[in-house]
Structures are given as structure tokens and as C-alpha cells.
């Protein structure tokens, strides 16, 4: 799958500002149930969270942050390992009914490619990566110039409908990433649009570019 052969998949767009993570999880579960019952269309929910670390089932204890930093750690049902959310980061939750010929990993590939497209329109060259045998899963998006990770992705599917999604670092404080081991990769260098671009776009411009890349309209 490449950007050029992505099939059309228009999404309904929901937008919020700062939403508590656990409250967002409750609403996301409601949206997933509604999509499973065909009560709503495929949906992209764009929002941000207050500071929180979320961890997957495979996250190692030694990858967790020191509690003295005061940032909550919350278990989550998505795939992937530890990630960080905070102000200045754009989070996108994807509530999408998978087609008969695709699984959740196929859709993750699509999310990666659409994020690469949106970053390109914002002036940042980026790429998705294949995972070498025996390595930690390289899900997400990296900058092509500095080879830093700018988008984290973790998803799951239940009864054919996806949940969770991506986190794009726009202009927030990157320091908390250094308090823990992100994505199960001690060597990963997390970055943001503000770090990579001499004249980074504003948050609203980033929202518009991402929504456009996902064919999402209100």
C-alpha cells in the first residue's frame, strides 16, 4: 500500500480541545459501540489530553517513569507499548469499520501513510518504516531528515471496528518523553513539528491538514 493507491475512506470529524484521558476512553467506547451497530459512520476524533503516560500489556516495568515526576500512568487496551500524551500534541482516535479484506494491521499501515501525507503538506518530510526481524515493532512515523519519531500509533479492533489511533507531537514540551522508555525503544528520539521546522505551523493548521489527509469532515 502506498499513498497513491489508498482507497477512499471518508470519515466524520469530531473535534475537541483538552479532554481527560479516562473520560475520552469512556466516550471512545460509546463511539465504538455505536459504529458496531451502524448508528454512526466511520469517525475521526481529534483532541488533546492533559499529561498522562499510557501503557500497553507488553510494557516492561523498567520502561515506566519515576513516580516523582507526578505524571499519571494509565493502562490502556490498545496495541503498542508506553506512550506519552500532553498539551501541544494532537491525538486522533479512529473509529472505523474494517473492510472484509483487511485487518487492524492493514489499517495501521493506512494511518501511517495518511500521517506521512499530512506532514508533507505541513512542510516536513516523513516516512513509515518496516520492522526488521527480531526488532521492536516500528509502528509510527519518523522524520526523513533527522530520523526522529514524530507520530506514535497504537490501535486495536473489536468486532470489526477499530479504536485508539495516533499521537502527533506539534508544539508541546518533549521533556516527559525522556522520563520513560517510549514505544519499547530506549534509543528512540521523539520530536515535534516545532523542533523540526524553523517556522512550524500553528495547531489549527495542523488539525486541518490531518483532517484533510483522512478525508474527514464535520
C-alpha atoms as a PDB file:
ATOM      1  CA  UNK A   1       0.000   0.000   0.000  1.00  0.00           C
ATOM      2  CA  UNK A   2       1.283   3.485  -0.936  1.00  0.00           C
ATOM      3  CA  UNK A   3      -0.157   6.994  -0.688  1.00  0.00           C
ATOM      4  CA  UNK A   4      -1.122   6.819  -4.333  1.00  0.00           C
ATOM      5  CA  UNK A   5      -3.261   3.697  -4.069  1.00  0.00           C
ATOM      6  CA  UNK A   6      -5.075   4.384  -0.785  1.00  0.00           C
ATOM      7  CA  UNK A   7      -8.750   3.694  -1.256  1.00  0.00           C
ATOM      8  CA  UNK A   8     -11.198   6.477  -0.491  1.00  0.00           C
ATOM      9  CA  UNK A   9     -12.467   6.273   3.082  1.00  0.00           C
ATOM     10  CA  UNK A  10     -14.305   9.474   4.087  1.00  0.00           C
ATOM     11  CA  UNK A  11     -14.693   9.970   7.833  1.00  0.00           C
ATOM     12  CA  UNK A  12     -16.972  12.041  10.040  1.00  0.00           C
ATOM     13  CA  UNK A  13     -14.939  14.560  12.059  1.00  0.00           C
ATOM     14  CA  UNK A  14     -15.308  15.285  15.773  1.00  0.00           C
ATOM     15  CA  UNK A  15     -13.055  17.942  17.311  1.00  0.00           C
ATOM     16  CA  UNK A  16     -12.358  18.764  20.941  1.00  0.00           C
ATOM     17  CA  UNK A  17      -9.629  20.586  22.800  1.00  0.00           C
ATOM     18  CA  UNK A  18      -8.238  19.159  26.064  1.00  0.00           C
ATOM     19  CA  UNK A  19     -10.090  16.029  27.275  1.00  0.00           C
ATOM     20  CA  UNK A  20      -9.121  13.910  30.299  1.00  0.00           C
ATOM     21  CA  UNK A  21      -7.753  10.574  29.087  1.00  0.00           C
ATOM     22  CA  UNK A  22     -10.078   8.306  31.055  1.00  0.00           C
ATOM     23  CA  UNK A  23     -13.126  10.385  30.097  1.00  0.00           C
ATOM     24  CA  UNK A  24     -12.014  10.100  26.477  1.00  0.00           C
ATOM     25  CA  UNK A  25     -11.756   6.324  26.798  1.00  0.00           C
ATOM     26  CA  UNK A  26     -15.367   6.167  28.007  1.00  0.00           C
ATOM     27  CA  UNK A  27     -16.590   8.243  25.093  1.00  0.00           C
ATOM     28  CA  UNK A  28     -14.487   6.279  22.625  1.00  0.00           C
ATOM     29  CA  UNK A  29     -16.067   3.036  23.863  1.00  0.00           C
ATOM     30  CA  UNK A  30     -19.500   4.573  23.256  1.00  0.00           C
ATOM     31  CA  UNK A  31     -18.489   5.581  19.730  1.00  0.00           C
ATOM     32  CA  UNK A  32     -17.133   2.091  19.003  1.00  0.00           C
ATOM     33  CA  UNK A  33     -20.406   0.519  20.161  1.00  0.00           C
ATOM     34  CA  UNK A  34     -22.396   2.909  18.005  1.00  0.00           C
ATOM     35  CA  UNK A  35     -20.219   2.102  14.959  1.00  0.00           C
ATOM     36  CA  UNK A  36     -20.586  -1.642  15.568  1.00  0.00           C
ATOM     37  CA  UNK A  37     -24.372  -1.110  15.488  1.00  0.00           C
ATOM     38  CA  UNK A  38     -24.051   1.050  12.339  1.00  0.00           C
ATOM     39  CA  UNK A  39     -25.544   4.014  14.193  1.00  0.00           C
ATOM     40  CA  UNK A  40     -22.686   6.321  13.163  1.00  0.00           C
ATOM     41  CA  UNK A  41     -20.306   6.462  10.182  1.00  0.00           C
ATOM     42  CA  UNK A  42     -16.555   5.893  10.293  1.00  0.00           C
ATOM     43  CA  UNK A  43     -15.218   8.651  12.529  1.00  0.00           C
ATOM     44  CA  UNK A  44     -12.029  10.582  13.308  1.00  0.00           C
ATOM     45  CA  UNK A  45     -11.962  12.260  16.726  1.00  0.00           C
ATOM     46  CA  UNK A  46      -9.257  14.928  17.085  1.00  0.00           C
ATOM     47  CA  UNK A  47      -8.368  16.127  20.591  1.00  0.00           C
ATOM     48  CA  UNK A  48      -5.567  16.563  23.126  1.00  0.00           C
ATOM     49  CA  UNK A  49      -5.007  15.231  26.647  1.00  0.00           C
ATOM     50  CA  UNK A  50      -3.558  16.600  29.879  1.00  0.00           C
ATOM     51  CA  UNK A  51      -0.234  14.988  30.828  1.00  0.00           C
ATOM     52  CA  UNK A  52      -0.506  11.188  31.057  1.00  0.00           C
ATOM     53  CA  UNK A  53       1.519   8.085  30.199  1.00  0.00           C
ATOM     54  CA  UNK A  54      -0.442   5.177  28.738  1.00  0.00           C
ATOM     55  CA  UNK A  55       0.916   1.655  28.705  1.00  0.00           C
ATOM     56  CA  UNK A  56       0.096  -1.489  26.755  1.00  0.00           C
ATOM     57  CA  UNK A  57       0.065  -5.039  28.058  1.00  0.00           C
ATOM     58  CA  UNK A  58       3.669  -5.660  26.969  1.00  0.00           C
ATOM     59  CA  UNK A  59       5.181  -2.569  28.632  1.00  0.00           C
ATOM     60  CA  UNK A  60       8.100  -3.549  30.860  1.00  0.00           C
ATOM     61  CA  UNK A  61       8.268  -2.237  34.421  1.00  0.00           C
ATOM     62  CA  UNK A  62      11.730  -0.800  33.803  1.00  0.00           C
ATOM     63  CA  UNK A  63      10.282   1.332  30.997  1.00  0.00           C
ATOM     64  CA  UNK A  64       7.918   3.175  33.360  1.00  0.00           C
ATOM     65  CA  UNK A  65       8.647   6.733  34.553  1.00  0.00           C
ATOM     66  CA  UNK A  66       9.778   7.599  38.067  1.00  0.00           C
ATOM     67  CA  UNK A  67       6.587   8.432  40.025  1.00  0.00           C
ATOM     68  CA  UNK A  68       8.299  11.543  41.423  1.00  0.00           C
ATOM     69  CA  UNK A  69       7.593  13.334  38.142  1.00  0.00           C
ATOM     70  CA  UNK A  70       3.917  13.316  39.106  1.00  0.00           C
ATOM     71  CA  UNK A  71       2.539  12.300  35.707  1.00  0.00           C
ATOM     72  CA  UNK A  72      -0.185   9.606  35.905  1.00  0.00           C
ATOM     73  CA  UNK A  73       0.378   6.191  34.308  1.00  0.00           C
ATOM     74  CA  UNK A  74      -2.777   4.576  32.916  1.00  0.00           C
ATOM     75  CA  UNK A  75      -3.126   1.049  31.438  1.00  0.00           C
ATOM     76  CA  UNK A  76      -4.844   1.011  28.072  1.00  0.00           C
ATOM     77  CA  UNK A  77      -6.363  -1.613  25.798  1.00  0.00           C
ATOM     78  CA  UNK A  78      -4.610  -0.527  22.615  1.00  0.00           C
ATOM     79  CA  UNK A  79      -1.698  -2.247  20.948  1.00  0.00           C
ATOM     80  CA  UNK A  80       1.811  -0.937  21.430  1.00  0.00           C
ATOM     81  CA  UNK A  81       3.825  -0.016  24.495  1.00  0.00           C
ATOM     82  CA  UNK A  82       4.333   3.123  26.564  1.00  0.00           C
ATOM     83  CA  UNK A  83       3.494   6.497  25.095  1.00  0.00           C
ATOM     84  CA  UNK A  84       3.059   9.995  26.452  1.00  0.00           C
ATOM     85  CA  UNK A  85       0.218  12.467  25.914  1.00  0.00           C
ATOM     86  CA  UNK A  86       0.187  16.124  26.856  1.00  0.00           C
ATOM     87  CA  UNK A  87      -0.840  19.615  25.753  1.00  0.00           C
ATOM     88  CA  UNK A  88       0.598  20.561  22.381  1.00  0.00           C
ATOM     89  CA  UNK A  89       0.062  17.069  20.996  1.00  0.00           C
ATOM     90  CA  UNK A  90      -2.698  16.251  18.503  1.00  0.00           C
ATOM     91  CA  UNK A  91      -4.369  12.919  19.218  1.00  0.00           C
ATOM     92  CA  UNK A  92      -6.591  11.205  16.677  1.00  0.00           C
ATOM     93  CA  UNK A  93      -8.903   8.339  17.610  1.00  0.00           C
ATOM     94  CA  UNK A  94     -10.112   6.260  14.678  1.00  0.00           C
ATOM     95  CA  UNK A  95     -13.498   4.555  14.966  1.00  0.00           C
ATOM     96  CA  UNK A  96     -13.588   2.717  11.644  1.00  0.00           C
ATOM     97  CA  UNK A  97     -15.345  -0.433  10.467  1.00  0.00           C
ATOM     98  CA  UNK A  98     -12.735  -2.592   8.768  1.00  0.00           C
ATOM     99  CA  UNK A  99     -13.426  -3.871   5.297  1.00  0.00           C
ATOM    100  CA  UNK A 100     -13.834  -7.595   4.716  1.00  0.00           C
ATOM    101  CA  UNK A 101     -10.380  -7.841   3.145  1.00  0.00           C
ATOM    102  CA  UNK A 102      -8.389  -6.029   5.850  1.00  0.00           C
ATOM    103  CA  UNK A 103      -7.295  -6.418   9.469  1.00  0.00           C
ATOM    104  CA  UNK A 104      -6.224  -3.872  12.041  1.00  0.00           C
ATOM    105  CA  UNK A 105      -2.561  -4.068  10.959  1.00  0.00           C
ATOM    106  CA  UNK A 106      -3.624  -3.147   7.406  1.00  0.00           C
ATOM    107  CA  UNK A 107      -5.448  -0.130   8.760  1.00  0.00           C
ATOM    108  CA  UNK A 108      -2.462   0.914  10.874  1.00  0.00           C
ATOM    109  CA  UNK A 109      -0.428   0.983   7.633  1.00  0.00           C
ATOM    110  CA  UNK A 110      -3.068   3.279   6.134  1.00  0.00           C
ATOM    111  CA  UNK A 111      -2.959   5.583   9.172  1.00  0.00           C
ATOM    112  CA  UNK A 112       0.836   5.805   8.855  1.00  0.00           C
ATOM    113  CA  UNK A 113       0.598   6.742   5.182  1.00  0.00           C
ATOM    114  CA  UNK A 114      -2.079   9.370   5.755  1.00  0.00           C
ATOM    115  CA  UNK A 115       0.014  10.911   8.534  1.00  0.00           C
ATOM    116  CA  UNK A 116       3.037  10.991   6.200  1.00  0.00           C
ATOM    117  CA  UNK A 117       0.838  12.797   3.677  1.00  0.00           C
ATOM    118  CA  UNK A 118      -0.365  15.372   6.204  1.00  0.00           C
ATOM    119  CA  UNK A 119       3.172  16.067   7.447  1.00  0.00           C
ATOM    120  CA  UNK A 120       4.356  16.562   3.882  1.00  0.00           C
ATOM    121  CA  UNK A 121       1.683  19.191   3.327  1.00  0.00           C
ATOM    122  CA  UNK A 122       2.886  20.914   6.507  1.00  0.00           C
ATOM    123  CA  UNK A 123       6.426  21.056   5.140  1.00  0.00           C
ATOM    124  CA  UNK A 124       8.011  18.083   6.913  1.00  0.00           C
ATOM    125  CA  UNK A 125       9.273  15.064   5.002  1.00  0.00           C
ATOM    126  CA  UNK A 126       8.407  11.861   6.899  1.00  0.00           C
ATOM    127  CA  UNK A 127       8.168   8.109   6.405  1.00  0.00           C
ATOM    128  CA  UNK A 128       6.808   4.888   7.831  1.00  0.00           C
ATOM    129  CA  UNK A 129       9.256   2.044   8.452  1.00  0.00           C
ATOM    130  CA  UNK A 130       9.324  -1.702   8.005  1.00  0.00           C
ATOM    131  CA  UNK A 131      10.245  -3.699  11.108  1.00  0.00           C
ATOM    132  CA  UNK A 132      13.487  -5.713  10.822  1.00  0.00           C
ATOM    133  CA  UNK A 133      13.209  -9.346  12.026  1.00  0.00           C
ATOM    134  CA  UNK A 134      13.528  -9.609  15.801  1.00  0.00           C
ATOM    135  CA  UNK A 135      13.154  -5.868  16.399  1.00  0.00           C
ATOM    136  CA  UNK A 136      10.553  -3.934  18.357  1.00  0.00           C
ATOM    137  CA  UNK A 137       7.592  -3.141  16.090  1.00  0.00           C
ATOM    138  CA  UNK A 138       8.326   0.079  14.202  1.00  0.00           C
ATOM    139  CA  UNK A 139       4.768   1.359  14.136  1.00  0.00           C
ATOM    140  CA  UNK A 140       4.508   5.123  13.683  1.00  0.00           C
ATOM    141  CA  UNK A 141       6.087   7.857  11.575  1.00  0.00           C
ATOM    142  CA  UNK A 142       9.664   9.150  11.512  1.00  0.00           C
ATOM    143  CA  UNK A 143      11.199  12.280  10.020  1.00  0.00           C
ATOM    144  CA  UNK A 144      13.319  11.502   6.981  1.00  0.00           C
ATOM    145  CA  UNK A 145      15.874  14.229   7.695  1.00  0.00           C
ATOM    146  CA  UNK A 146      16.635  13.797  11.399  1.00  0.00           C
ATOM    147  CA  UNK A 147      15.347  10.177  11.753  1.00  0.00           C
ATOM    148  CA  UNK A 148      13.357  11.115  14.846  1.00  0.00           C
ATOM    149  CA  UNK A 149       9.934   9.737  15.703  1.00  0.00           C
ATOM    150  CA  UNK A 150       7.120  12.278  15.447  1.00  0.00           C
ATOM    151  CA  UNK A 151       3.950  10.144  15.370  1.00  0.00           C
ATOM    152  CA  UNK A 152       3.092   7.285  17.732  1.00  0.00           C
ATOM    153  CA  UNK A 153       0.364   4.819  16.727  1.00  0.00           C
ATOM    154  CA  UNK A 154      -1.393   2.161  18.770  1.00  0.00           C
ATOM    155  CA  UNK A 155      -4.698   0.586  17.762  1.00  0.00           C
ATOM    156  CA  UNK A 156      -6.945  -2.381  18.320  1.00  0.00           C
ATOM    157  CA  UNK A 157     -10.091  -3.800  16.729  1.00  0.00           C
ATOM    158  CA  UNK A 158     -13.199  -5.238  18.367  1.00  0.00           C
ATOM    159  CA  UNK A 159     -15.991  -6.883  16.349  1.00  0.00           C
ATOM    160  CA  UNK A 160     -14.503  -5.402  13.207  1.00  0.00           C
ATOM    161  CA  UNK A 161     -14.277  -1.794  14.457  1.00  0.00           C
ATOM    162  CA  UNK A 162     -11.021  -0.015  15.279  1.00  0.00           C
ATOM    163  CA  UNK A 163     -10.295   2.184  18.274  1.00  0.00           C
ATOM    164  CA  UNK A 164      -7.418   4.282  19.645  1.00  0.00           C
ATOM    165  CA  UNK A 165      -5.172   5.785  16.971  1.00  0.00           C
ATOM    166  CA  UNK A 166      -2.266   8.237  16.637  1.00  0.00           C
ATOM    167  CA  UNK A 167      -0.500  10.999  18.557  1.00  0.00           C
ATOM    168  CA  UNK A 168       1.330  13.735  16.630  1.00  0.00           C
ATOM    169  CA  UNK A 169       3.719  15.980  18.548  1.00  0.00           C
ATOM    170  CA  UNK A 170       3.009  19.529  17.400  1.00  0.00           C
ATOM    171  CA  UNK A 171       4.467  22.090  19.802  1.00  0.00           C
ATOM    172  CA  UNK A 172       4.310  20.631  23.311  1.00  0.00           C
ATOM    173  CA  UNK A 173       7.046  20.051  25.884  1.00  0.00           C
ATOM    174  CA  UNK A 174       9.088  16.998  24.845  1.00  0.00           C
ATOM    175  CA  UNK A 175      10.829  16.637  28.224  1.00  0.00           C
ATOM    176  CA  UNK A 176       8.426  13.988  29.645  1.00  0.00           C
ATOM    177  CA  UNK A 177       9.364  11.616  26.825  1.00  0.00           C
ATOM    178  CA  UNK A 178      12.788  11.382  28.433  1.00  0.00           C
ATOM    179  CA  UNK A 179      11.376  10.267  31.793  1.00  0.00           C
ATOM    180  CA  UNK A 180      10.345   6.842  30.423  1.00  0.00           C
ATOM    181  CA  UNK A 181      11.101   4.440  27.554  1.00  0.00           C
ATOM    182  CA  UNK A 182       8.724   5.276  24.734  1.00  0.00           C
ATOM    183  CA  UNK A 183       7.468   2.615  22.314  1.00  0.00           C
ATOM    184  CA  UNK A 184       9.683  -0.051  23.932  1.00  0.00           C
ATOM    185  CA  UNK A 185      12.738   1.532  22.279  1.00  0.00           C
ATOM    186  CA  UNK A 186      15.323   3.046  24.678  1.00  0.00           C
ATOM    187  CA  UNK A 187      17.142   4.689  21.773  1.00  0.00           C
ATOM    188  CA  UNK A 188      14.112   6.452  20.268  1.00  0.00           C
ATOM    189  CA  UNK A 189      14.373  10.236  19.919  1.00  0.00           C
ATOM    190  CA  UNK A 190      10.904  11.777  19.998  1.00  0.00           C
ATOM    191  CA  UNK A 191      10.407  15.033  18.162  1.00  0.00           C
ATOM    192  CA  UNK A 192       7.765  17.589  17.207  1.00  0.00           C
ATOM    193  CA  UNK A 193       6.892  19.913  14.369  1.00  0.00           C
ATOM    194  CA  UNK A 194       8.145  22.813  16.481  1.00  0.00           C
ATOM    195  CA  UNK A 195      11.524  21.091  16.875  1.00  0.00           C
ATOM    196  CA  UNK A 196      11.898  20.100  13.234  1.00  0.00           C
ATOM    197  CA  UNK A 197      10.685  23.172  11.342  1.00  0.00           C
ATOM    198  CA  UNK A 198      12.140  26.705  11.512  1.00  0.00           C
ATOM    199  CA  UNK A 199       8.643  28.127  11.046  1.00  0.00           C
ATOM    200  CA  UNK A 200       6.277  25.459  12.384  1.00  0.00           C
ATOM    201  CA  UNK A 201       2.570  25.586  11.558  1.00  0.00           C
ATOM    202  CA  UNK A 202       0.011  26.564  14.173  1.00  0.00           C
ATOM    203  CA  UNK A 203      -2.074  23.927  15.914  1.00  0.00           C
ATOM    204  CA  UNK A 204      -5.210  24.805  13.928  1.00  0.00           C
ATOM    205  CA  UNK A 205      -3.322  24.430  10.646  1.00  0.00           C
ATOM    206  CA  UNK A 206      -2.091  21.008  11.758  1.00  0.00           C
ATOM    207  CA  UNK A 207      -5.642  19.944  12.618  1.00  0.00           C
ATOM    208  CA  UNK A 208      -6.847  20.999   9.165  1.00  0.00           C
ATOM    209  CA  UNK A 209      -4.030  19.179   7.355  1.00  0.00           C
ATOM    210  CA  UNK A 210      -4.616  15.959   9.301  1.00  0.00           C
ATOM    211  CA  UNK A 211      -8.392  16.094   8.779  1.00  0.00           C
ATOM    212  CA  UNK A 212      -7.856  16.638   5.049  1.00  0.00           C
ATOM    213  CA  UNK A 213      -5.426  13.703   4.798  1.00  0.00           C
ATOM    214  CA  UNK A 214      -8.072  11.447   6.395  1.00  0.00           C
ATOM    215  CA  UNK A 215     -10.918  12.792   4.208  1.00  0.00           C
ATOM    216  CA  UNK A 216     -12.616  13.848   7.448  1.00  0.00           C
ATOM    217  CA  UNK A 217     -15.343  16.490   7.506  1.00  0.00           C
ATOM    218  CA  UNK A 218     -17.696  17.711  10.207  1.00  0.00           C
END
